[in-house]
Amino acid sequence: MTPNIQLVWQIAGIGILTAVVVSVLTQADRKEFAWLVSLGGVIVVLWLVVRMIADLFQTVRAIFQL
């Protein structure tokens, strides 16, 4: 699989896992923990996206020799 498709699958997996955990915690009346889990999921996904954007900028610099 190409790295781009792998990143999409990783983000989807994190989203599904986060949604399940948040749903279980909400049903158990642990809304504070559910909020923290969803925040953690967003932070992990943002970290993956920022890393990919940094790789893009490195590639652009290498191509244009900046």
Protein backbone atom coordinates (compact mmCIF):
# COMPACT_ATOMS: atom_id res chain seq x y z
CA MET A 1 0.00 0.00 0.00
CA THR A 2 1.16 3.51 -0.68
CA PRO A 3 1.91 5.71 2.33
CA ASN A 4 -1.03 8.02 1.53
CA ILE A 5 -3.54 5.18 1.64
CA GLN A 6 -1.93 3.86 4.80
CA LEU A 7 -2.36 7.27 6.43
CA VAL A 8 -6.04 7.32 5.48
CA TRP A 9 -6.53 3.87 7.03
CA GLN A 10 -4.70 4.95 10.19
CA ILE A 11 -6.89 8.04 10.56
CA ALA A 12 -10.03 5.99 9.93
CA GLY A 13 -8.96 3.40 12.49
CA ILE A 14 -8.24 6.05 15.10
CA GLY A 15 -11.63 7.64 14.41
CA ILE A 16 -13.53 4.37 14.74
CA LEU A 17 -11.67 3.37 17.89
CA THR A 18 -12.21 6.80 19.43
CA ALA A 19 -15.91 6.74 18.57
CA VAL A 20 -16.40 3.33 20.19
CA VAL A 21 -14.56 4.32 23.37
CA VAL A 22 -16.44 7.62 23.60
CA SER A 23 -19.74 5.82 23.14
CA VAL A 24 -18.94 3.30 25.89
CA LEU A 25 -17.80 6.03 28.26
CA THR A 26 -20.89 8.14 27.55
CA GLN A 27 -23.17 5.19 28.24
CA ALA A 28 -21.29 4.62 31.52
CA ASP A 29 -21.97 8.27 32.44
CA ARG A 30 -18.28 9.19 32.24
CA LYS A 31 -18.66 12.22 29.98
CA GLU A 32 -15.50 13.91 31.23
CA PHE A 33 -13.37 10.91 30.26
CA ALA A 34 -15.22 10.64 26.95
CA TRP A 35 -14.33 14.25 26.21
CA LEU A 36 -10.68 13.60 27.03
CA VAL A 37 -10.61 10.51 24.80
CA SER A 38 -12.10 12.44 21.88
CA LEU A 39 -9.60 15.25 22.44
CA GLY A 40 -6.77 12.71 22.48
CA GLY A 41 -8.01 11.23 19.20
CA VAL A 42 -8.05 14.64 17.57
CA ILE A 43 -4.54 15.40 18.81
CA VAL A 44 -3.18 12.11 17.46
CA VAL A 45 -4.79 12.68 14.05
CA LEU A 46 -3.48 16.25 13.91
CA TRP A 47 0.00 14.96 14.75
CA LEU A 48 -0.19 12.50 11.84
CA VAL A 49 -1.36 15.23 9.45
CA VAL A 50 1.31 17.72 10.57
CA ARG A 51 3.98 15.07 10.09
CA MET A 52 2.73 14.41 6.57
CA ILE A 53 2.70 18.15 5.75
CA ALA A 54 6.27 18.46 7.04
CA ASP A 55 7.30 15.66 4.68
CA LEU A 56 5.56 17.50 1.84
CA PHE A 57 7.51 20.69 2.56
CA GLN A 58 10.78 18.74 2.68
CA THR A 59 9.96 17.23 -0.71
CA VAL A 60 9.17 20.65 -2.19
CA ARG A 61 12.45 22.05 -0.83
CA ALA A 62 14.37 19.13 -2.31
CA ILE A 63 12.70 19.51 -5.69
CA PHE A 64 13.27 23.25 -5.98
CA GLN A 65 16.59 23.12 -4.08
CA LEU A 66 15.63 25.81 -1.58
